[in-house]
Amino acid sequence: MAGGAAKFRHLSRKSSHRQALLRNLVTSLFQHESITTTWAKAKEAQRLAEKLITLGKKNTEASRKRALSTFYTPHELLPKLFGPLRERYAERPGGYTRVLRVEPKKDDQAASAILELVDGPKDMRFALTARTVARQRSQGLETLNELTTMNVNKVTRFRKGGISELEREIKRLEITGHGKEEAGKAKKPTKQ
């Protein structure tokens, strides 16, 4: 039967090359907590990363052996997976990673994306939400719009001390002037 539903993206590679590529991407993701790659590679690496974090939450000998066979530098990353990452995602039922589409960066104009671990120090949605709230407060708006309120709930729901951490980031942005700077840019008329 031609054109049957594929269970995964083949990424124009043979099996061994594809597995090596995904292992490399996931190793980099756990090492740096955020990577930029093509959208298709990010979606496939996201599947593997979610499975590895689930193994980390189980914390059994079998899950350690499985994770050991996946990482290229397991002795650096296993303590991180079964330590801080396991604690970070203990209460979260799933959705440990996020894929954000970005503008194509390569010459071939392939769809690019950022793959990141959520609730970490490099969480892009958390930073953008904090910047949006800081900008709205600098404009004198007391209540947040519906979309911003939804994003505040998303980034603080499973993060330990999420609301206080968000407020701290907003205060830091207000002190450095990033929120006011963005508000000033929006008010200036453009020359035509």
N, C-alpha and C. Protein backbone atom coordinates (compact mmCIF):
# COMPACT_ATOMS: atom_id res chain seq x y z
N MET A 1 0.85 -1.17 0.00
CA MET A 1 0.00 0.00 0.00
C MET A 1 0.90 1.24 0.00
N ALA A 2 0.88 1.98 -1.08
CA ALA A 2 1.74 3.15 -1.21
C ALA A 2 1.22 4.31 -0.38
N GLY A 3 2.13 5.06 0.18
CA GLY A 3 1.75 6.27 0.91
C GLY A 3 1.14 6.02 2.27
N GLY A 4 1.47 4.89 2.88
CA GLY A 4 0.95 4.58 4.21
C GLY A 4 1.46 5.56 5.25
N ALA A 5 0.78 5.63 6.35
CA ALA A 5 1.17 6.57 7.40
C ALA A 5 2.50 6.15 8.01
N ALA A 6 3.45 7.06 8.01
CA ALA A 6 4.76 6.80 8.61
C ALA A 6 4.68 7.03 10.11
N LYS A 7 5.38 6.22 10.88
CA LYS A 7 5.35 6.37 12.32
C LYS A 7 6.34 7.41 12.80
N PHE A 8 7.26 7.82 11.93
CA PHE A 8 8.24 8.84 12.28
C PHE A 8 8.79 9.44 11.00
N ARG A 9 9.50 10.56 11.15
CA ARG A 9 10.13 11.21 10.00
C ARG A 9 11.45 10.49 9.71
N HIS A 10 11.70 10.20 8.46
CA HIS A 10 12.92 9.50 8.10
C HIS A 10 14.09 10.45 7.90
N LEU A 11 13.82 11.73 7.73
CA LEU A 11 14.83 12.78 7.64
C LEU A 11 15.84 12.55 6.52
N SER A 12 15.45 11.82 5.48
CA SER A 12 16.30 11.54 4.30
C SER A 12 17.62 10.89 4.69
N ARG A 13 17.57 10.02 5.69
CA ARG A 13 18.77 9.33 6.16
C ARG A 13 18.47 7.86 6.36
N LYS A 14 19.52 7.04 6.29
CA LYS A 14 19.33 5.64 6.62
C LYS A 14 19.21 5.51 8.14
N SER A 15 18.79 4.39 8.61
CA SER A 15 18.44 4.18 10.01
C SER A 15 19.58 4.52 10.97
N SER A 16 20.78 4.02 10.70
CA SER A 16 21.90 4.25 11.61
C SER A 16 22.28 5.72 11.67
N HIS A 17 22.24 6.40 10.51
CA HIS A 17 22.56 7.83 10.48
C HIS A 17 21.50 8.64 11.22
N ARG A 18 20.24 8.28 11.04
CA ARG A 18 19.14 8.97 11.71
C ARG A 18 19.24 8.81 13.23
N GLN A 19 19.53 7.59 13.69
CA GLN A 19 19.66 7.36 15.14
C GLN A 19 20.84 8.13 15.71
N ALA A 20 21.95 8.18 14.99
CA ALA A 20 23.11 8.94 15.45
C ALA A 20 22.78 10.43 15.52
N LEU A 21 22.08 10.93 14.51
CA LEU A 21 21.68 12.33 14.49
C LEU A 21 20.80 12.67 15.68
N LEU A 22 19.79 11.85 15.94
CA LEU A 22 18.87 12.11 17.05
C LEU A 22 19.58 12.00 18.39
N ARG A 23 20.47 11.03 18.54
CA ARG A 23 21.23 10.91 19.78
C ARG A 23 22.08 12.15 20.01
N ASN A 24 22.70 12.65 18.94
CA ASN A 24 23.53 13.84 19.03
C ASN A 24 22.68 15.07 19.41
N LEU A 25 21.52 15.22 18.78
CA LEU A 25 20.64 16.36 19.09
C LEU A 25 20.17 16.31 20.54
N VAL A 26 19.78 15.13 21.01
CA VAL A 26 19.28 15.00 22.38
C VAL A 26 20.40 15.22 23.39
N THR A 27 21.59 14.73 23.08
CA THR A 27 22.74 14.97 23.96
C THR A 27 23.01 16.47 24.07
N SER A 28 22.97 17.18 22.95
CA SER A 28 23.17 18.63 22.96
C SER A 28 22.05 19.34 23.71
N LEU A 29 20.83 18.86 23.54
CA LEU A 29 19.69 19.48 24.22
C LEU A 29 19.85 19.38 25.74
N PHE A 30 20.20 18.22 26.24
CA PHE A 30 20.33 18.06 27.68
C PHE A 30 21.56 18.78 28.20
N GLN A 31 22.56 18.96 27.36
CA GLN A 31 23.77 19.66 27.79
C GLN A 31 23.53 21.17 27.85
N HIS A 32 22.87 21.73 26.83
CA HIS A 32 22.71 23.18 26.72
C HIS A 32 21.31 23.67 27.07
N GLU A 33 20.33 22.78 27.16
CA GLU A 33 18.93 23.04 27.46
C GLU A 33 18.18 23.80 26.38
N SER A 34 18.85 24.13 25.28
CA SER A 34 18.19 24.78 24.16
C SER A 34 19.08 24.61 22.93
N ILE A 35 18.49 24.16 21.81
CA ILE A 35 19.26 24.01 20.57
C ILE A 35 18.43 24.55 19.41
N THR A 36 19.12 24.95 18.35
CA THR A 36 18.47 25.42 17.13
C THR A 36 18.80 24.44 16.02
N THR A 37 17.77 24.00 15.32
CA THR A 37 17.93 23.03 14.23
C THR A 37 16.76 23.21 13.28
N THR A 38 16.62 22.29 12.31
CA THR A 38 15.46 22.38 11.43
C THR A 38 14.22 21.90 12.18
N TRP A 39 13.08 22.28 11.67
CA TRP A 39 11.83 21.95 12.37
C TRP A 39 11.59 20.45 12.43
N ALA A 40 11.83 19.73 11.35
CA ALA A 40 11.58 18.29 11.33
C ALA A 40 12.51 17.56 12.30
N LYS A 41 13.78 17.96 12.33
CA LYS A 41 14.72 17.34 13.27
C LYS A 41 14.32 17.65 14.70
N ALA A 42 13.86 18.87 14.95
CA ALA A 42 13.46 19.25 16.30
C ALA A 42 12.27 18.43 16.77
N LYS A 43 11.30 18.19 15.89
CA LYS A 43 10.13 17.40 16.28
C LYS A 43 10.51 15.96 16.60
N GLU A 44 11.42 15.38 15.83
CA GLU A 44 11.85 14.00 16.10
C GLU A 44 12.70 13.92 17.36
N ALA A 45 13.59 14.90 17.55
CA ALA A 45 14.41 14.92 18.76
C ALA A 45 13.54 15.17 19.99
N GLN A 46 12.46 15.91 19.83
CA GLN A 46 11.54 16.17 20.94
C GLN A 46 10.93 14.86 21.43
N ARG A 47 10.56 13.97 20.51
CA ARG A 47 9.98 12.68 20.90
C ARG A 47 10.96 11.89 21.77
N LEU A 48 12.22 11.84 21.36
CA LEU A 48 13.22 11.09 22.11
C LEU A 48 13.51 11.74 23.45
N ALA A 49 13.58 13.07 23.48
CA ALA A 49 13.86 13.79 24.73
C ALA A 49 12.75 13.58 25.75
N GLU A 50 11.49 13.59 25.29
CA GLU A 50 10.36 13.36 26.20
C GLU A 50 10.45 11.97 26.82
N LYS A 51 10.82 10.98 26.01
CA LYS A 51 10.95 9.62 26.52
C LYS A 51 12.07 9.51 27.55
N LEU A 52 13.18 10.21 27.29
CA LEU A 52 14.30 10.17 28.23
C LEU A 52 13.95 10.82 29.56
N ILE A 53 13.21 11.91 29.54
CA ILE A 53 12.82 12.56 30.79
C ILE A 53 11.85 11.67 31.56
N THR A 54 10.98 10.98 30.85
CA THR A 54 10.09 10.03 31.51
C THR A 54 10.90 8.91 32.16
N LEU A 55 11.95 8.44 31.49
CA LEU A 55 12.84 7.44 32.09
C LEU A 55 13.51 8.01 33.34
N GLY A 56 13.90 9.28 33.27
CA GLY A 56 14.53 9.92 34.42
C GLY A 56 13.59 10.02 35.61
N LYS A 57 12.32 10.25 35.34
CA LYS A 57 11.33 10.32 36.43
C LYS A 57 11.09 8.96 37.06
N LYS A 58 11.21 7.88 36.27
CA LYS A 58 11.01 6.54 36.82
C LYS A 58 12.15 6.17 37.78
N ASN A 59 13.38 6.51 37.40
CA ASN A 59 14.56 6.30 38.25
C ASN A 59 14.74 4.85 38.68
N THR A 60 14.68 3.95 37.73
CA THR A 60 14.95 2.54 38.00
C THR A 60 16.28 2.16 37.34
N GLU A 61 16.77 0.99 37.66
CA GLU A 61 18.02 0.52 37.05
C GLU A 61 17.85 0.33 35.55
N ALA A 62 16.71 -0.18 35.14
CA ALA A 62 16.44 -0.38 33.71
C ALA A 62 16.39 0.96 32.97
N SER A 63 15.77 1.98 33.59
CA SER A 63 15.70 3.29 32.93
C SER A 63 17.08 3.93 32.85
N ARG A 64 17.93 3.70 33.84
CA ARG A 64 19.30 4.22 33.78
C ARG A 64 20.10 3.57 32.64
N LYS A 65 19.93 2.27 32.45
CA LYS A 65 20.63 1.58 31.37
C LYS A 65 20.15 2.06 30.01
N ARG A 66 18.86 2.29 29.89
CA ARG A 66 18.29 2.77 28.62
C ARG A 66 18.82 4.17 28.30
N ALA A 67 18.86 5.05 29.31
CA ALA A 67 19.38 6.40 29.10
C ALA A 67 20.88 6.35 28.81
N LEU A 68 21.59 5.45 29.46
CA LEU A 68 23.03 5.30 29.24
C LEU A 68 23.32 4.94 27.79
N SER A 69 22.45 4.12 27.19
CA SER A 69 22.67 3.71 25.80
C SER A 69 22.28 4.79 24.80
N THR A 70 21.57 5.82 25.24
CA THR A 70 21.12 6.86 24.31
C THR A 70 22.10 8.02 24.22
N PHE A 71 22.62 8.50 25.33
CA PHE A 71 23.50 9.67 25.34
C PHE A 71 24.87 9.35 24.79
N TYR A 72 25.51 10.32 24.14
CA TYR A 72 26.89 10.16 23.69
C TYR A 72 27.87 10.43 24.84
N THR A 73 27.52 11.31 25.77
CA THR A 73 28.36 11.57 26.94
C THR A 73 27.53 11.25 28.19
N PRO A 74 27.29 9.97 28.45
CA PRO A 74 26.35 9.61 29.52
C PRO A 74 26.83 9.96 30.92
N HIS A 75 28.14 9.94 31.15
CA HIS A 75 28.62 10.17 32.51
C HIS A 75 28.49 11.64 32.91
N GLU A 76 28.37 12.54 31.92
CA GLU A 76 28.11 13.95 32.20
C GLU A 76 26.60 14.20 32.37
N LEU A 77 25.80 13.48 31.59
CA LEU A 77 24.37 13.81 31.51
C LEU A 77 23.47 12.96 32.39
N LEU A 78 23.86 11.74 32.74
CA LEU A 78 23.01 10.92 33.60
C LEU A 78 22.77 11.56 34.97
N PRO A 79 23.81 12.12 35.62
CA PRO A 79 23.53 12.79 36.90
C PRO A 79 22.56 13.97 36.75
N LYS A 80 22.64 14.67 35.63
CA LYS A 80 21.72 15.79 35.40
C LYS A 80 20.30 15.29 35.16
N LEU A 81 20.15 14.22 34.35
CA LEU A 81 18.83 13.67 34.05
C LEU A 81 18.17 13.10 35.30
N PHE A 82 18.92 12.34 36.09
CA PHE A 82 18.34 11.70 37.27
C PHE A 82 18.44 12.57 38.51
N GLY A 83 18.93 13.79 38.38
CA GLY A 83 19.04 14.71 39.50
C GLY A 83 18.14 15.93 39.30
N PRO A 84 18.73 17.05 38.84
CA PRO A 84 17.96 18.30 38.71
C PRO A 84 16.76 18.21 37.77
N LEU A 85 16.93 17.53 36.62
CA LEU A 85 15.80 17.45 35.68
C LEU A 85 14.67 16.60 36.24
N ARG A 86 15.00 15.54 36.93
CA ARG A 86 13.98 14.69 37.56
C ARG A 86 13.18 15.48 38.59
N GLU A 87 13.87 16.30 39.39
CA GLU A 87 13.19 17.13 40.40
C GLU A 87 12.37 18.23 39.74
N ARG A 88 12.90 18.82 38.66
CA ARG A 88 12.20 19.92 37.98
C ARG A 88 10.87 19.45 37.40
N TYR A 89 10.83 18.23 36.86
CA TYR A 89 9.63 17.75 36.19
C TYR A 89 8.85 16.73 37.01
N ALA A 90 9.10 16.64 38.31
CA ALA A 90 8.43 15.64 39.15
C ALA A 90 6.92 15.82 39.15
N GLU A 91 6.42 17.03 39.19
CA GLU A 91 4.99 17.30 39.26
C GLU A 91 4.35 17.47 37.89
N ARG A 92 5.15 17.62 36.86
CA ARG A 92 4.63 17.86 35.51
C ARG A 92 4.25 16.53 34.86
N PRO A 93 3.01 16.40 34.36
CA PRO A 93 2.58 15.12 33.78
C PRO A 93 3.13 14.85 32.38
N GLY A 94 3.69 15.81 31.73
CA GLY A 94 4.23 15.64 30.38
C GLY A 94 4.54 16.99 29.79
N GLY A 95 4.99 17.03 28.55
CA GLY A 95 5.29 18.29 27.90
C GLY A 95 6.53 18.93 28.48
N TYR A 96 7.64 18.20 28.48
CA TYR A 96 8.87 18.68 29.09
C TYR A 96 9.70 19.53 28.13
N THR A 97 9.37 19.47 26.84
CA THR A 97 10.12 20.23 25.84
C THR A 97 9.16 21.09 25.03
N ARG A 98 9.73 22.05 24.33
CA ARG A 98 8.93 22.96 23.50
C ARG A 98 9.68 23.20 22.20
N VAL A 99 8.96 23.21 21.09
CA VAL A 99 9.53 23.54 19.79
C VAL A 99 8.93 24.86 19.35
N LEU A 100 9.80 25.85 19.12
CA LEU A 100 9.37 27.16 18.66
C LEU A 100 9.90 27.39 17.26
N ARG A 101 9.02 27.68 16.32
CA ARG A 101 9.46 27.96 14.95
C ARG A 101 10.13 29.33 14.91
N VAL A 102 11.21 29.42 14.15
CA VAL A 102 11.91 30.69 13.95
C VAL A 102 12.15 30.86 12.45
N GLU A 103 12.65 32.03 12.07
CA GLU A 103 12.92 32.29 10.67
C GLU A 103 14.04 31.38 10.18
N PRO A 104 13.98 30.99 8.92
CA PRO A 104 15.06 30.14 8.38
C PRO A 104 16.40 30.83 8.47
N LYS A 105 17.42 30.12 8.94
CA LYS A 105 18.74 30.70 9.11
C LYS A 105 19.73 30.23 8.05
N LYS A 106 19.44 29.13 7.41
CA LYS A 106 20.37 28.57 6.44
C LYS A 106 20.10 29.11 5.04
N ASP A 107 21.06 28.87 4.17
CA ASP A 107 20.92 29.32 2.78
C ASP A 107 19.80 28.61 2.05
N ASP A 108 19.51 27.36 2.45
CA ASP A 108 18.48 26.59 1.75
C ASP A 108 17.06 26.94 2.21
N GLN A 109 16.92 27.86 3.16
CA GLN A 109 15.62 28.33 3.65
C GLN A 109 14.78 27.21 4.25
N ALA A 110 15.43 26.22 4.86
CA ALA A 110 14.71 25.15 5.54
C ALA A 110 14.04 25.71 6.79
N ALA A 111 12.87 25.20 7.12
CA ALA A 111 12.13 25.67 8.29
C ALA A 111 12.95 25.39 9.55
N SER A 112 13.32 26.44 10.27
CA SER A 112 14.14 26.30 11.47
C SER A 112 13.29 26.34 12.71
N ALA A 113 13.83 25.83 13.81
CA ALA A 113 13.10 25.81 15.07
C ALA A 113 14.09 25.78 16.23
N ILE A 114 13.61 26.19 17.39
CA ILE A 114 14.36 26.10 18.63
C ILE A 114 13.70 25.01 19.46
N LEU A 115 14.49 24.05 19.91
CA LEU A 115 14.01 22.99 20.79
C LEU A 115 14.59 23.29 22.17
N GLU A 116 13.73 23.42 23.18
CA GLU A 116 14.20 23.78 24.52
C GLU A 116 13.47 22.99 25.59
N LEU A 117 14.12 22.85 26.72
CA LEU A 117 13.50 22.25 27.89
C LEU A 117 12.69 23.34 28.60
N VAL A 118 11.45 23.04 28.98
CA VAL A 118 10.62 24.05 29.63
C VAL A 118 11.01 24.19 31.10
N ASP A 119 10.64 25.31 31.71
CA ASP A 119 10.87 25.63 33.11
C ASP A 119 12.35 25.68 33.47
N GLY A 120 13.21 25.87 32.51
CA GLY A 120 14.64 25.95 32.77
C GLY A 120 15.13 27.39 32.72
N PRO A 121 16.43 27.58 32.88
CA PRO A 121 16.98 28.93 32.85
C PRO A 121 16.91 29.58 31.47
N LYS A 122 16.80 28.79 30.41
CA LYS A 122 16.74 29.35 29.06
C LYS A 122 15.35 29.24 28.45
N ASP A 123 14.31 29.23 29.27
CA ASP A 123 12.94 29.09 28.80
C ASP A 123 12.53 30.37 28.08
N MET A 124 12.36 30.28 26.77
CA MET A 124 12.08 31.46 25.96
C MET A 124 10.68 32.03 26.23
N ARG A 125 9.69 31.17 26.41
CA ARG A 125 8.33 31.65 26.66
C ARG A 125 8.27 32.42 28.00
N PHE A 126 9.00 31.95 28.99
CA PHE A 126 9.05 32.63 30.29
C PHE A 126 9.63 34.03 30.12
N ALA A 127 10.74 34.14 29.38
CA ALA A 127 11.39 35.44 29.17
C ALA A 127 10.49 36.39 28.38
N LEU A 128 9.83 35.87 27.34
CA LEU A 128 8.96 36.73 26.53
C LEU A 128 7.72 37.17 27.31
N THR A 129 7.19 36.30 28.16
CA THR A 129 6.04 36.67 28.98
C THR A 129 6.43 37.74 29.99
N ALA A 130 7.59 37.59 30.61
CA ALA A 130 8.06 38.59 31.57
C ALA A 130 8.25 39.95 30.88
N ARG A 131 8.80 39.92 29.68
CA ARG A 131 9.01 41.17 28.94
C ARG A 131 7.68 41.82 28.56
N THR A 132 6.70 41.01 28.18
CA THR A 132 5.38 41.54 27.83
C THR A 132 4.71 42.17 29.03
N VAL A 133 4.75 41.51 30.18
CA VAL A 133 4.13 42.05 31.39
C VAL A 133 4.85 43.34 31.80
N ALA A 134 6.17 43.37 31.73
CA ALA A 134 6.93 44.58 32.08
C ALA A 134 6.56 45.74 31.15
N ARG A 135 6.42 45.43 29.85
CA ARG A 135 6.05 46.47 28.90
C ARG A 135 4.64 47.00 29.18
N GLN A 136 3.70 46.10 29.47
CA GLN A 136 2.33 46.54 29.74
C GLN A 136 2.27 47.35 31.03
N ARG A 137 3.04 46.97 32.02
CA ARG A 137 3.05 47.75 33.28
C ARG A 137 3.68 49.12 33.06
N SER A 138 4.70 49.21 32.21
CA SER A 138 5.34 50.51 31.95
C SER A 138 4.41 51.43 31.18
N GLN A 139 3.45 50.85 30.45
CA GLN A 139 2.46 51.65 29.71
C GLN A 139 1.30 52.07 30.61
N GLY A 140 1.31 51.59 31.86
CA GLY A 140 0.27 51.98 32.80
C GLY A 140 -0.94 51.08 32.80
N LEU A 141 -0.86 49.93 32.14
CA LEU A 141 -1.98 49.00 32.12
C LEU A 141 -1.96 48.16 33.40
N GLU A 142 -3.05 48.19 34.14
CA GLU A 142 -3.12 47.43 35.39
C GLU A 142 -3.53 45.97 35.14
N THR A 143 -4.46 45.75 34.22
CA THR A 143 -4.92 44.39 33.95
C THR A 143 -4.25 43.88 32.67
N LEU A 144 -3.95 42.62 32.66
CA LEU A 144 -3.33 41.99 31.50
C LEU A 144 -4.41 41.52 30.53
N ASN A 145 -4.07 41.50 29.24
CA ASN A 145 -5.04 41.00 28.28
C ASN A 145 -5.16 39.49 28.40
N GLU A 146 -6.10 38.91 27.69
CA GLU A 146 -6.41 37.48 27.82
C GLU A 146 -5.23 36.58 27.43
N LEU A 147 -4.54 36.92 26.33
CA LEU A 147 -3.42 36.10 25.87
C LEU A 147 -2.26 36.14 26.86
N THR A 148 -1.94 37.32 27.39
CA THR A 148 -0.85 37.44 28.35
C THR A 148 -1.19 36.70 29.64
N THR A 149 -2.42 36.79 30.08
CA THR A 149 -2.84 36.07 31.29
C THR A 149 -2.70 34.56 31.08
N MET A 150 -3.07 34.07 29.91
CA MET A 150 -2.93 32.65 29.61
C MET A 150 -1.45 32.24 29.62
N ASN A 151 -0.58 33.07 29.04
CA ASN A 151 0.85 32.76 29.03
C ASN A 151 1.45 32.80 30.42
N VAL A 152 1.01 33.74 31.27
CA VAL A 152 1.50 33.80 32.66
C VAL A 152 1.12 32.51 33.38
N ASN A 153 -0.11 32.04 33.18
CA ASN A 153 -0.53 30.78 33.81
C ASN A 153 0.30 29.60 33.31
N LYS A 154 0.58 29.57 32.01
CA LYS A 154 1.35 28.46 31.44
C LYS A 154 2.77 28.41 31.98
N VAL A 155 3.43 29.56 32.08
CA VAL A 155 4.84 29.54 32.48
C VAL A 155 5.03 29.42 33.99
N THR A 156 3.98 29.65 34.78
CA THR A 156 4.14 29.57 36.23
C THR A 156 3.48 28.34 36.85
N ARG A 157 2.67 27.62 36.10
CA ARG A 157 1.87 26.55 36.66
C ARG A 157 2.70 25.42 37.29
N PHE A 158 3.70 24.91 36.60
CA PHE A 158 4.48 23.79 37.11
C PHE A 158 5.85 24.21 37.63
N ARG A 159 6.22 25.46 37.48
CA ARG A 159 7.52 25.95 37.94
C ARG A 159 7.47 26.20 39.43
N LYS A 160 8.47 25.69 40.16
CA LYS A 160 8.51 25.91 41.60
C LYS A 160 8.80 27.38 41.87
N GLY A 161 7.94 28.03 42.66
CA GLY A 161 8.09 29.46 42.93
C GLY A 161 7.91 30.27 41.66
N GLY A 162 7.02 29.83 40.78
CA GLY A 162 6.87 30.42 39.46
C GLY A 162 6.45 31.88 39.48
N ILE A 163 5.46 32.22 40.30
CA ILE A 163 4.96 33.60 40.31
C ILE A 163 6.01 34.54 40.87
N SER A 164 6.67 34.14 41.96
CA SER A 164 7.71 35.00 42.54
C SER A 164 8.89 35.13 41.58
N GLU A 165 9.23 34.06 40.87
CA GLU A 165 10.32 34.12 39.90
C GLU A 165 9.96 35.02 38.72
N LEU A 166 8.70 34.97 38.28
CA LEU A 166 8.25 35.85 37.20
C LEU A 166 8.29 37.30 37.65
N GLU A 167 7.83 37.58 38.86
CA GLU A 167 7.88 38.96 39.37
C GLU A 167 9.32 39.47 39.47
N ARG A 168 10.24 38.59 39.88
CA ARG A 168 11.64 38.97 39.99
C ARG A 168 12.20 39.32 38.61
N GLU A 169 11.83 38.53 37.60
CA GLU A 169 12.29 38.80 36.23
C GLU A 169 11.68 40.10 35.70
N ILE A 170 10.41 40.36 36.02
CA ILE A 170 9.76 41.60 35.59
C ILE A 170 10.45 42.80 36.22
N LYS A 171 10.76 42.71 37.51
CA LYS A 171 11.45 43.81 38.20
C LYS A 171 12.83 44.04 37.58
N ARG A 172 13.52 42.94 37.24
CA ARG A 172 14.84 43.08 36.62
C ARG A 172 14.73 43.79 35.27
N LEU A 173 13.70 43.47 34.50
CA LEU A 173 13.50 44.12 33.21
C LEU A 173 13.12 45.59 33.38
N GLU A 174 12.34 45.89 34.42
CA GLU A 174 11.97 47.29 34.67
C GLU A 174 13.18 48.10 35.08
N ILE A 175 14.07 47.50 35.86
CA ILE A 175 15.28 48.21 36.31
C ILE A 175 16.22 48.47 35.14
N THR A 176 16.41 47.48 34.29
CA THR A 176 17.31 47.66 33.15
C THR A 176 16.67 48.49 32.04
N GLY A 177 15.36 48.66 32.08
CA GLY A 177 14.68 49.52 31.11
C GLY A 177 14.25 48.81 29.85
N HIS A 178 14.31 47.48 29.81
CA HIS A 178 13.90 46.78 28.60
C HIS A 178 12.40 46.91 28.33
N GLY A 179 11.59 46.91 29.36
CA GLY A 179 10.15 47.03 29.17
C GLY A 179 9.77 48.40 28.64
N LYS A 180 10.40 49.46 29.19
CA LYS A 180 10.10 50.82 28.75
C LYS A 180 10.63 51.06 27.35
N GLU A 181 11.77 50.49 27.06
CA GLU A 181 12.37 50.64 25.74
C GLU A 181 11.44 50.12 24.66
N GLU A 182 10.86 48.94 24.88
CA GLU A 182 9.92 48.36 23.92
C GLU A 182 8.66 49.21 23.79
N ALA A 183 8.18 49.76 24.91
CA ALA A 183 6.98 50.58 24.87
C ALA A 183 7.24 51.86 24.07
N GLY A 184 8.45 52.44 24.24
CA GLY A 184 8.80 53.65 23.51
C GLY A 184 8.88 53.40 22.01
N LYS A 185 9.36 52.25 21.61
CA LYS A 185 9.45 51.92 20.20
C LYS A 185 8.06 51.82 19.57
N ALA A 186 7.11 51.32 20.32
CA ALA A 186 5.76 51.14 19.77
C ALA A 186 5.06 52.48 19.57
N LYS A 187 5.38 53.49 20.38
CA LYS A 187 4.67 54.76 20.32
C LYS A 187 5.22 55.69 19.23
N LYS A 188 6.49 55.53 18.82
CA LYS A 188 7.08 56.44 17.85
C LYS A 188 6.45 56.24 16.48
N PRO A 189 6.04 57.33 15.84
CA PRO A 189 5.51 57.18 14.48
C PRO A 189 6.65 56.92 13.50
N THR A 190 6.37 56.17 12.48
CA THR A 190 7.40 55.86 11.49
C THR A 190 7.40 56.95 10.42
N LYS A 191 8.59 57.21 9.89
CA LYS A 191 8.72 58.21 8.82
C LYS A 191 8.40 57.56 7.50
N GLN A 192 7.65 58.29 6.67
CA GLN A 192 7.30 57.73 5.37
C GLN A 192 7.67 58.68 4.27
